Amino acid sequence: MPSTPRPSRTSYHHGALREALLGGARELLAEGGADGFSLSALARRLGVSTAAPYRHFADKDALVDELCAEGYREFGAALTQAAGSTTDARQRLDALGVAYLRFAREHPAVFGIMFTDRGPAVLASGESTYDVLVDAVAAAQDAGVLPPGADPRVLARTVWATLHGLAVLGRRGGFTKLSIDDDEARLVADALALLTR
């Protein structure tokens, strides 16, 4: 059986190695999950020494934490953009929901690790992302779309759990297995209609 050629050793300068490590880790994550790769496998993929990743990350957990934090930054940007797309409180919730499901579909590997138990830096990234949803819920309460007397963080938790459930079912083919239309906008509108007035 012919051997697989090793990638040629590449020289990385001025921070390019760190970005290459994160990009390569995303690829390996997509191929085998967080447990499916090691820093030595990542080094082989990039054609660098097995010590090279340790110049930027103390261990694999530190690298995965950074992938999660990076994912939350991208996720937060997508949610913020969706929230700013309309001034209508109900439409804003729908837009956030569609952005949530779309991110899960377009970034399945990173989405899959973002909500696992990670370090404090990841927790801070997740909290700021959650605040986008809390703000949208509070605005929906002010507009009479959601119950005005309830704690907005509790309502946001319910909306979040609903959206996250839709995202996970969509990623795992749960809707198609049950012959349910998996159009993201329709799924979000139908689910949030049960929570809003």
Protein backbone atom coordinates (compact mmCIF):
# COMPACT_ATOMS: atom_id res chain seq x y z
CA MET A 1 0.00 0.00 0.00
CA PRO A 2 1.54 3.35 -0.99
CA SER A 3 2.40 5.66 1.88
CA THR A 4 0.62 8.97 2.26
CA PRO A 5 3.00 11.80 1.48
CA ARG A 6 3.83 14.04 4.41
CA PRO A 7 3.00 17.68 3.96
CA SER A 8 6.02 19.79 3.25
CA ARG A 9 7.36 21.60 6.28
CA THR A 10 6.06 25.13 6.20
CA SER A 11 7.61 28.17 7.82
CA TYR A 12 5.19 30.32 9.81
CA HIS A 13 6.11 33.87 10.80
CA HIS A 14 4.56 36.80 12.65
CA GLY A 15 1.70 34.95 14.32
CA ALA A 16 0.75 32.93 11.25
CA LEU A 17 1.45 29.68 13.10
CA ARG A 18 -1.18 30.46 15.72
CA GLU A 19 -3.80 31.12 13.03
CA ALA A 20 -2.71 28.00 11.13
CA LEU A 21 -3.06 25.95 14.33
CA LEU A 22 -6.59 27.25 14.89
CA GLY A 23 -7.54 26.62 11.25
CA GLY A 24 -6.05 23.13 11.27
CA ALA A 25 -7.75 22.36 14.58
CA ARG A 26 -11.10 23.37 13.10
CA GLU A 27 -10.53 20.91 10.26
CA LEU A 28 -9.57 18.10 12.63
CA LEU A 29 -12.50 18.97 14.88
CA ALA A 30 -14.87 18.69 11.92
CA GLU A 31 -13.36 15.33 10.95
CA GLY A 32 -13.33 13.61 14.34
CA GLY A 33 -14.66 15.83 17.12
CA ALA A 34 -12.74 17.26 20.06
CA ASP A 35 -11.60 13.81 21.18
CA GLY A 36 -10.54 12.86 17.66
CA PHE A 37 -7.31 14.82 17.44
CA SER A 38 -4.15 15.64 19.37
CA LEU A 39 -1.64 18.45 19.16
CA SER A 40 0.84 16.05 17.59
CA ALA A 41 -1.72 15.13 14.89
CA LEU A 42 -2.29 18.85 14.32
CA ALA A 43 1.46 19.43 14.02
CA ARG A 44 1.72 16.62 11.45
CA ARG A 45 -1.19 18.10 9.49
CA LEU A 46 0.61 21.46 9.32
CA GLY A 47 4.05 19.96 8.69
CA VAL A 48 5.63 21.52 11.78
CA SER A 49 7.48 20.03 14.72
CA THR A 50 5.44 18.41 17.48
CA ALA A 51 6.73 21.12 19.84
CA ALA A 52 5.48 23.98 17.64
CA PRO A 53 1.86 24.07 18.91
CA TYR A 54 3.11 24.48 22.48
CA ARG A 55 4.58 27.86 21.58
CA HIS A 56 1.03 29.18 21.39
CA PHE A 57 -1.09 26.80 23.49
CA ALA A 58 -0.21 25.15 26.79
CA ASP A 59 -2.11 22.02 25.83
CA LYS A 60 -4.98 20.73 23.72
CA ASP A 61 -7.56 22.07 26.20
CA ALA A 62 -6.17 25.59 25.80
CA LEU A 63 -6.46 25.26 22.02
CA VAL A 64 -10.05 23.96 22.22
CA ASP A 65 -10.89 26.78 24.67
CA GLU A 66 -9.65 29.28 22.10
CA LEU A 67 -11.71 27.61 19.36
CA CYS A 68 -14.77 27.95 21.62
CA ALA A 69 -14.03 31.59 22.42
CA GLU A 70 -13.46 32.27 18.71
CA GLY A 71 -16.76 30.53 17.96
CA TYR A 72 -18.58 32.66 20.51
CA ARG A 73 -17.12 35.83 18.98
CA GLU A 74 -18.36 34.79 15.54
CA PHE A 75 -21.70 33.66 16.99
CA GLY A 76 -22.07 36.93 18.90
CA ALA A 77 -21.34 38.94 15.76
CA ALA A 78 -23.98 36.97 13.84
CA LEU A 79 -26.56 37.49 16.58
CA THR A 80 -25.72 41.19 16.91
CA GLN A 81 -26.08 41.67 13.17
CA ALA A 82 -29.44 39.87 13.23
CA ALA A 83 -30.65 41.93 16.20
CA GLY A 84 -29.75 45.13 14.37
CA SER A 85 -31.54 44.13 11.18
CA THR A 86 -34.94 45.41 12.33
CA THR A 87 -36.52 47.69 14.92
CA ASP A 88 -39.62 45.48 15.21
CA ALA A 89 -39.32 43.51 18.47
CA ARG A 90 -41.06 40.38 17.19
CA GLN A 91 -39.10 40.34 13.94
CA ARG A 92 -35.88 40.83 15.94
CA LEU A 93 -36.57 37.63 17.92
CA ASP A 94 -37.24 35.74 14.69
CA ALA A 95 -34.06 37.13 13.10
CA LEU A 96 -32.03 36.08 16.15
CA GLY A 97 -33.54 32.61 15.96
CA VAL A 98 -32.71 32.19 12.30
CA ALA A 99 -29.14 33.44 12.93
CA TYR A 100 -28.83 30.93 15.77
CA LEU A 101 -29.91 28.00 13.61
CA ARG A 102 -27.85 29.15 10.65
CA PHE A 103 -24.68 29.40 12.75
CA ALA A 104 -25.24 25.86 14.06
CA ARG A 105 -25.70 24.59 10.51
CA GLU A 106 -22.73 26.45 9.00
CA HIS A 107 -20.28 25.77 11.88
CA PRO A 108 -21.35 22.38 13.25
CA ALA A 109 -18.01 21.31 14.72
CA VAL A 110 -17.39 24.53 16.62
CA PHE A 111 -21.04 24.81 17.64
CA GLY A 112 -20.79 21.29 19.06
CA ILE A 113 -18.00 22.24 21.49
CA MET A 114 -19.10 25.77 22.38
CA PHE A 115 -21.68 24.58 24.87
CA THR A 116 -19.47 22.05 26.66
CA ASP A 117 -17.87 22.73 30.05
CA ARG A 118 -14.85 24.91 29.22
CA GLY A 119 -12.62 27.44 30.98
CA PRO A 120 -13.44 30.93 32.35
CA ALA A 121 -12.46 32.79 29.14
CA VAL A 122 -15.02 30.75 27.22
CA LEU A 123 -17.65 31.41 29.88
CA ALA A 124 -17.12 35.18 29.55
CA SER A 125 -17.47 34.95 25.76
CA GLY A 126 -20.68 32.96 26.11
CA GLU A 127 -22.18 35.41 28.59
CA SER A 128 -21.67 38.42 26.32
CA THR A 129 -23.33 36.50 23.49
CA TYR A 130 -26.26 35.62 25.75
CA ASP A 131 -26.69 39.32 26.59
CA VAL A 132 -27.67 39.99 22.95
CA LEU A 133 -30.63 37.65 23.43
CA VAL A 134 -31.51 39.13 26.85
CA ASP A 135 -31.58 42.64 25.34
CA ALA A 136 -33.87 41.46 22.53
CA VAL A 137 -36.18 39.77 25.03
CA ALA A 138 -36.32 42.93 27.19
CA ALA A 139 -37.20 44.99 24.09
CA ALA A 140 -39.91 42.45 23.22
CA GLN A 141 -41.31 42.82 26.75
CA ASP A 142 -41.36 46.62 26.37
CA ALA A 143 -43.23 46.19 23.08
CA GLY A 144 -45.77 43.82 24.66
CA VAL A 145 -44.60 40.87 22.55
CA LEU A 146 -43.45 38.94 25.64
CA PRO A 147 -44.93 39.11 29.18
CA PRO A 148 -43.80 42.44 30.68
CA GLY A 149 -43.58 41.41 34.34
CA ALA A 150 -41.25 38.44 33.95
CA ASP A 151 -37.50 38.54 34.54
CA PRO A 152 -35.98 39.05 31.05
CA ARG A 153 -33.09 36.69 31.85
CA VAL A 154 -35.56 33.90 32.69
CA LEU A 155 -37.53 34.53 29.49
CA ALA A 156 -34.29 34.68 27.50
CA ARG A 157 -33.30 31.32 28.97
CA THR A 158 -36.56 29.82 27.69
CA VAL A 159 -36.10 31.35 24.24
CA TRP A 160 -32.48 30.20 24.19
CA ALA A 161 -33.41 26.64 25.20
CA THR A 162 -36.04 26.56 22.45
CA LEU A 163 -33.62 27.83 19.79
CA HIS A 164 -30.84 25.55 20.96
CA GLY A 165 -33.15 22.55 20.82
CA LEU A 166 -34.13 23.44 17.26
CA ALA A 167 -30.46 23.90 16.31
CA VAL A 168 -29.39 20.55 17.76
CA LEU A 169 -32.31 18.68 16.20
CA GLY A 170 -31.53 20.33 12.85
CA ARG A 171 -27.83 19.42 13.08
CA ARG A 172 -28.64 15.80 13.84
CA GLY A 173 -31.31 15.39 11.17
CA GLY A 174 -34.12 15.10 13.69
CA PHE A 175 -36.59 17.02 11.58
CA THR A 176 -35.96 15.21 8.32
CA LYS A 177 -36.21 11.84 10.10
CA LEU A 178 -39.71 12.83 11.22
CA SER A 179 -40.61 14.39 7.84
CA ILE A 180 -40.89 17.83 9.45
CA ASP A 181 -40.16 20.83 7.25
CA ASP A 182 -36.77 22.07 8.44
CA ASP A 183 -36.91 25.55 6.91
CA GLU A 184 -35.12 27.65 9.55
CA ALA A 185 -37.39 30.70 9.33
CA ARG A 186 -40.53 28.53 9.60
CA LEU A 187 -39.16 26.49 12.52
CA VAL A 188 -38.26 29.65 14.45
CA ALA A 189 -41.52 31.45 13.69
CA ASP A 190 -43.61 28.43 14.73
CA ALA A 191 -41.66 27.87 17.96
CA LEU A 192 -41.57 31.51 19.04
CA ALA A 193 -45.25 31.97 18.22
CA LEU A 194 -45.94 29.70 21.20
CA LEU A 195 -44.00 32.05 23.51
CA THR A 196 -45.04 35.45 22.19
CA ARG A 197 -48.32 37.35 22.19
